[in-house]
């Protein structure tokens, strides 16, 4: 299982609106195009955390999907609620992805 964590800022009180937009999008073809198996959205104050889980690295599929009408439509609708964490360096979705620097997994035999 691969994971990608997208970090951004979100408007106060916007969690229900963001969840609704993703619920609508997840009922369409976009998750299949990207290979999303599970999506989890988290909020920490005004920080938006979007965990994507897939069978293979979703980064390249997300990069290819950026011109797809469902992707651009969802991005446009989300822009009312979500903004880049660092607007100075944001150029594409890749610039919002966190980099994992440590992983630990319990041995299944325990």
N, C-alpha and C. Protein backbone atom coordinates (compact mmCIF):
# COMPACT_ATOMS: atom_id res chain seq x y z
N UNK A 1 0.85 -1.18 0.00
CA UNK A 1 0.00 0.00 0.00
C UNK A 1 0.89 1.23 0.00
N UNK A 2 0.61 2.16 -0.89
CA UNK A 2 1.33 3.44 -0.96
C UNK A 2 0.46 4.51 -0.35
N UNK A 3 1.11 5.51 0.21
CA UNK A 3 0.40 6.63 0.80
C UNK A 3 1.01 7.93 0.32
N UNK A 4 0.16 8.92 0.17
CA UNK A 4 0.61 10.28 -0.13
C UNK A 4 -0.15 11.21 0.81
N UNK A 5 0.55 12.15 1.41
CA UNK A 5 -0.07 13.08 2.33
C UNK A 5 0.06 14.48 1.75
N UNK A 6 -1.08 15.10 1.51
CA UNK A 6 -1.14 16.45 0.96
C UNK A 6 -1.43 17.41 2.11
N UNK A 7 -0.65 18.47 2.20
CA UNK A 7 -0.76 19.44 3.29
C UNK A 7 -1.11 20.79 2.69
N UNK A 8 -2.10 21.45 3.29
CA UNK A 8 -2.52 22.77 2.82
C UNK A 8 -3.15 23.52 4.00
N UNK A 9 -3.71 24.66 3.72
CA UNK A 9 -4.45 25.43 4.72
C UNK A 9 -5.93 25.39 4.34
N UNK A 10 -6.77 25.39 5.37
CA UNK A 10 -8.20 25.37 5.10
C UNK A 10 -8.91 26.48 5.87
N UNK A 11 -9.98 26.96 5.29
CA UNK A 11 -10.75 28.02 5.91
C UNK A 11 -11.47 27.48 7.15
N UNK A 12 -11.54 28.27 8.20
CA UNK A 12 -12.26 27.83 9.41
C UNK A 12 -13.70 27.43 9.08
N UNK A 13 -14.13 26.34 9.67
CA UNK A 13 -15.51 25.89 9.49
C UNK A 13 -15.82 25.23 8.16
N UNK A 14 -14.81 24.99 7.34
CA UNK A 14 -15.06 24.48 5.99
C UNK A 14 -15.00 22.96 5.86
N UNK A 15 -14.71 22.24 6.95
CA UNK A 15 -14.57 20.78 6.86
C UNK A 15 -15.81 20.10 6.25
N UNK A 16 -17.03 20.45 6.65
CA UNK A 16 -18.19 19.79 6.04
C UNK A 16 -18.31 20.06 4.53
N UNK A 17 -17.97 21.26 4.11
CA UNK A 17 -18.04 21.59 2.68
C UNK A 17 -16.99 20.81 1.90
N UNK A 18 -15.78 20.73 2.44
CA UNK A 18 -14.70 19.99 1.77
C UNK A 18 -15.07 18.52 1.70
N UNK A 19 -15.57 17.96 2.79
CA UNK A 19 -15.97 16.55 2.80
C UNK A 19 -17.05 16.28 1.76
N UNK A 20 -18.00 17.20 1.65
CA UNK A 20 -19.07 17.04 0.66
C UNK A 20 -18.55 17.05 -0.77
N UNK A 21 -17.61 17.95 -1.05
CA UNK A 21 -17.03 18.00 -2.39
C UNK A 21 -16.29 16.70 -2.72
N UNK A 22 -15.55 16.16 -1.75
CA UNK A 22 -14.87 14.89 -2.01
C UNK A 22 -15.84 13.73 -2.11
N UNK A 23 -16.90 13.74 -1.31
CA UNK A 23 -17.90 12.67 -1.42
C UNK A 23 -18.49 12.64 -2.82
N UNK A 24 -18.81 13.80 -3.36
CA UNK A 24 -19.33 13.88 -4.73
C UNK A 24 -18.30 13.38 -5.73
N UNK A 25 -17.06 13.84 -5.59
CA UNK A 25 -16.01 13.45 -6.52
C UNK A 25 -15.70 11.96 -6.42
N UNK A 26 -15.68 11.43 -5.21
CA UNK A 26 -15.33 10.02 -5.02
C UNK A 26 -16.39 9.09 -5.59
N UNK A 27 -17.59 9.60 -5.84
CA UNK A 27 -18.63 8.79 -6.48
C UNK A 27 -18.43 8.71 -7.99
N UNK A 28 -17.51 9.50 -8.54
CA UNK A 28 -17.24 9.53 -9.98
C UNK A 28 -16.03 8.69 -10.35
N UNK A 29 -15.45 9.02 -11.49
CA UNK A 29 -14.35 8.22 -12.03
C UNK A 29 -12.96 8.65 -11.56
N UNK A 30 -12.85 9.82 -10.95
CA UNK A 30 -11.53 10.35 -10.60
C UNK A 30 -10.72 9.43 -9.67
N UNK A 31 -11.30 8.88 -8.60
CA UNK A 31 -10.49 7.98 -7.76
C UNK A 31 -9.90 6.80 -8.55
N UNK A 32 -10.66 6.26 -9.46
CA UNK A 32 -10.16 5.15 -10.28
C UNK A 32 -9.04 5.57 -11.20
N UNK A 33 -9.12 6.78 -11.73
CA UNK A 33 -8.06 7.28 -12.62
C UNK A 33 -6.74 7.44 -11.87
N UNK A 34 -6.84 7.82 -10.61
CA UNK A 34 -5.64 8.06 -9.81
C UNK A 34 -5.19 6.78 -9.10
N UNK A 35 -6.13 5.86 -8.90
CA UNK A 35 -5.81 4.63 -8.20
C UNK A 35 -6.05 4.71 -6.70
N UNK A 36 -6.89 5.63 -6.28
CA UNK A 36 -7.17 5.82 -4.86
C UNK A 36 -7.99 4.64 -4.33
N UNK A 37 -7.50 4.00 -3.28
CA UNK A 37 -8.24 2.93 -2.60
C UNK A 37 -8.93 3.48 -1.35
N UNK A 38 -8.29 4.45 -0.70
CA UNK A 38 -8.85 5.05 0.50
C UNK A 38 -8.39 6.49 0.57
N UNK A 39 -9.31 7.35 1.02
CA UNK A 39 -8.98 8.78 1.20
C UNK A 39 -9.41 9.15 2.62
N UNK A 40 -8.55 9.83 3.33
CA UNK A 40 -8.89 10.33 4.66
C UNK A 40 -8.51 11.81 4.72
N UNK A 41 -9.41 12.61 5.23
CA UNK A 41 -9.17 14.04 5.39
C UNK A 41 -9.06 14.35 6.87
N UNK A 42 -8.04 15.13 7.24
CA UNK A 42 -7.83 15.50 8.62
C UNK A 42 -7.70 17.01 8.72
N UNK A 43 -8.03 17.52 9.89
CA UNK A 43 -7.88 18.95 10.17
C UNK A 43 -7.14 19.10 11.48
N UNK A 44 -6.17 20.00 11.52
CA UNK A 44 -5.48 20.37 12.74
C UNK A 44 -5.45 21.89 12.74
N UNK A 45 -6.37 22.51 13.46
CA UNK A 45 -6.51 23.96 13.39
C UNK A 45 -6.89 24.34 11.97
N UNK A 46 -6.07 25.17 11.35
CA UNK A 46 -6.34 25.56 9.96
C UNK A 46 -5.48 24.77 8.97
N UNK A 47 -4.85 23.70 9.45
CA UNK A 47 -4.04 22.85 8.57
C UNK A 47 -4.92 21.71 8.05
N UNK A 48 -4.89 21.53 6.76
CA UNK A 48 -5.64 20.50 6.04
C UNK A 48 -4.66 19.39 5.70
N UNK A 49 -5.02 18.16 6.04
CA UNK A 49 -4.19 16.99 5.76
C UNK A 49 -5.04 15.99 4.99
N UNK A 50 -4.56 15.58 3.85
CA UNK A 50 -5.31 14.73 2.93
C UNK A 50 -4.47 13.50 2.65
N UNK A 51 -4.86 12.36 3.22
CA UNK A 51 -4.13 11.12 3.06
C UNK A 51 -4.77 10.29 1.96
N UNK A 52 -3.97 9.96 0.95
CA UNK A 52 -4.40 9.11 -0.16
C UNK A 52 -3.67 7.78 -0.02
N UNK A 53 -4.41 6.69 -0.08
CA UNK A 53 -3.81 5.37 -0.05
C UNK A 53 -4.15 4.66 -1.36
N UNK A 54 -3.14 4.03 -1.96
CA UNK A 54 -3.31 3.39 -3.25
C UNK A 54 -2.36 2.21 -3.38
N UNK A 55 -2.58 1.40 -4.40
CA UNK A 55 -1.73 0.23 -4.62
C UNK A 55 -0.35 0.60 -5.15
N UNK A 56 -0.25 1.73 -5.84
CA UNK A 56 1.04 2.20 -6.33
C UNK A 56 1.16 3.69 -6.06
N UNK A 57 2.34 4.22 -6.18
CA UNK A 57 2.59 5.63 -5.89
C UNK A 57 1.58 6.50 -6.65
N UNK A 58 0.74 7.26 -5.93
CA UNK A 58 -0.27 8.07 -6.61
C UNK A 58 0.26 9.36 -7.23
N UNK A 59 1.49 9.75 -6.89
CA UNK A 59 2.04 11.01 -7.39
C UNK A 59 2.01 11.14 -8.91
N UNK A 60 2.54 10.17 -9.66
CA UNK A 60 2.50 10.28 -11.12
C UNK A 60 1.07 10.31 -11.68
N UNK A 61 0.17 9.54 -11.10
CA UNK A 61 -1.22 9.54 -11.58
C UNK A 61 -1.89 10.88 -11.30
N UNK A 62 -1.59 11.47 -10.15
CA UNK A 62 -2.14 12.79 -9.84
C UNK A 62 -1.61 13.81 -10.84
N UNK A 63 -0.32 13.74 -11.14
CA UNK A 63 0.27 14.67 -12.10
C UNK A 63 -0.40 14.55 -13.47
N UNK A 64 -0.69 13.31 -13.89
CA UNK A 64 -1.36 13.11 -15.19
C UNK A 64 -2.81 13.60 -15.16
N UNK A 65 -3.46 13.52 -14.00
CA UNK A 65 -4.88 13.86 -13.90
C UNK A 65 -5.14 15.36 -13.78
N UNK A 66 -4.11 16.17 -13.62
CA UNK A 66 -4.34 17.59 -13.36
C UNK A 66 -5.07 18.31 -14.49
N UNK A 67 -5.08 17.75 -15.68
CA UNK A 67 -5.82 18.40 -16.78
C UNK A 67 -7.17 17.73 -17.03
N UNK A 68 -7.50 16.69 -16.29
CA UNK A 68 -8.79 16.01 -16.45
C UNK A 68 -9.90 16.93 -15.94
N UNK A 69 -11.03 17.01 -16.65
CA UNK A 69 -12.11 17.92 -16.25
C UNK A 69 -12.62 17.70 -14.82
N UNK A 70 -12.69 16.45 -14.36
CA UNK A 70 -13.14 16.21 -12.98
C UNK A 70 -12.12 16.75 -11.98
N UNK A 71 -10.84 16.60 -12.28
CA UNK A 71 -9.79 17.10 -11.39
C UNK A 71 -9.83 18.63 -11.34
N UNK A 72 -9.88 19.27 -12.50
CA UNK A 72 -9.88 20.73 -12.53
C UNK A 72 -11.15 21.29 -11.90
N UNK A 73 -12.28 20.62 -12.12
CA UNK A 73 -13.54 21.07 -11.51
C UNK A 73 -13.49 20.98 -10.00
N UNK A 74 -13.01 19.85 -9.49
CA UNK A 74 -12.89 19.68 -8.04
C UNK A 74 -11.90 20.71 -7.47
N UNK A 75 -10.78 20.89 -8.12
CA UNK A 75 -9.80 21.87 -7.65
C UNK A 75 -10.39 23.27 -7.61
N UNK A 76 -11.15 23.62 -8.62
CA UNK A 76 -11.78 24.95 -8.64
C UNK A 76 -12.76 25.11 -7.47
N UNK A 77 -13.57 24.08 -7.22
CA UNK A 77 -14.54 24.15 -6.12
C UNK A 77 -13.84 24.18 -4.76
N UNK A 78 -12.76 23.42 -4.63
CA UNK A 78 -12.02 23.39 -3.36
C UNK A 78 -11.29 24.68 -3.09
N UNK A 79 -10.96 25.45 -4.12
CA UNK A 79 -10.18 26.68 -3.93
C UNK A 79 -10.89 27.70 -3.05
N UNK A 80 -12.20 27.56 -2.88
CA UNK A 80 -12.94 28.45 -1.98
C UNK A 80 -12.62 28.14 -0.52
N UNK A 81 -12.10 26.94 -0.25
CA UNK A 81 -11.87 26.50 1.12
C UNK A 81 -10.41 26.16 1.43
N UNK A 82 -9.65 25.76 0.42
CA UNK A 82 -8.29 25.28 0.64
C UNK A 82 -7.30 26.15 -0.14
N UNK A 83 -6.19 26.47 0.52
CA UNK A 83 -5.13 27.25 -0.13
C UNK A 83 -3.79 26.57 0.15
N UNK A 84 -2.79 26.84 -0.68
CA UNK A 84 -1.48 26.23 -0.47
C UNK A 84 -0.91 26.54 0.91
N UNK A 85 -0.23 25.59 1.48
CA UNK A 85 0.42 25.81 2.78
C UNK A 85 1.50 26.88 2.65
N UNK A 86 2.23 26.84 1.55
CA UNK A 86 3.26 27.84 1.28
C UNK A 86 3.05 28.38 -0.14
N UNK A 87 2.27 29.44 -0.28
CA UNK A 87 1.97 29.98 -1.62
C UNK A 87 3.20 30.38 -2.42
N UNK A 88 4.30 30.70 -1.74
CA UNK A 88 5.52 31.12 -2.42
C UNK A 88 6.15 30.00 -3.23
N UNK A 89 5.98 28.75 -2.78
CA UNK A 89 6.66 27.64 -3.44
C UNK A 89 5.70 26.72 -4.19
N UNK A 90 4.39 26.91 -4.06
CA UNK A 90 3.43 26.01 -4.68
C UNK A 90 3.32 26.27 -6.18
N UNK A 91 3.54 25.22 -6.96
CA UNK A 91 3.39 25.30 -8.42
C UNK A 91 2.46 24.22 -8.95
N UNK A 92 2.41 23.07 -8.26
CA UNK A 92 1.58 21.95 -8.70
C UNK A 92 1.23 21.11 -7.47
N UNK A 93 0.31 20.14 -7.61
CA UNK A 93 -0.04 19.29 -6.46
C UNK A 93 1.18 18.64 -5.80
N UNK A 94 2.20 18.34 -6.58
CA UNK A 94 3.42 17.73 -6.03
C UNK A 94 4.03 18.60 -4.93
N UNK A 95 3.88 19.92 -5.05
CA UNK A 95 4.46 20.84 -4.08
C UNK A 95 3.72 20.85 -2.75
N UNK A 96 2.57 20.18 -2.68
CA UNK A 96 1.80 20.11 -1.44
C UNK A 96 1.96 18.76 -0.75
N UNK A 97 2.74 17.85 -1.34
CA UNK A 97 2.88 16.52 -0.77
C UNK A 97 4.01 16.48 0.25
N UNK A 98 3.64 15.97 1.44
CA UNK A 98 4.63 15.82 2.51
C UNK A 98 5.60 14.70 2.16
N UNK A 99 6.78 14.77 2.70
CA UNK A 99 7.80 13.75 2.48
C UNK A 99 7.95 12.93 3.75
N UNK A 100 7.74 11.62 3.62
CA UNK A 100 7.89 10.72 4.76
C UNK A 100 9.36 10.61 5.12
N UNK A 101 9.66 10.74 6.40
CA UNK A 101 11.05 10.61 6.82
C UNK A 101 11.25 9.53 7.87
N UNK A 102 10.18 8.84 8.29
CA UNK A 102 10.32 7.72 9.21
C UNK A 102 9.08 6.86 9.12
N UNK A 103 9.27 5.55 9.16
CA UNK A 103 8.17 4.59 9.18
C UNK A 103 8.53 3.46 10.13
N UNK A 104 7.58 3.01 10.89
CA UNK A 104 7.75 1.83 11.73
C UNK A 104 6.51 0.98 11.55
N UNK A 105 6.70 -0.32 11.48
CA UNK A 105 5.57 -1.22 11.33
C UNK A 105 5.79 -2.40 12.25
N UNK A 106 4.77 -2.76 12.98
CA UNK A 106 4.84 -3.89 13.91
C UNK A 106 4.99 -5.18 13.13
N UNK A 107 5.84 -6.06 13.59
CA UNK A 107 6.03 -7.37 12.98
C UNK A 107 4.72 -8.15 13.11
N UNK A 108 4.19 -8.66 12.00
CA UNK A 108 2.92 -9.37 11.99
C UNK A 108 2.93 -10.63 12.84
N UNK A 109 4.10 -11.18 13.16
CA UNK A 109 4.20 -12.41 13.96
C UNK A 109 4.04 -12.16 15.44
N UNK A 110 3.99 -10.93 15.85
CA UNK A 110 3.85 -10.63 17.29
C UNK A 110 2.43 -10.65 17.72
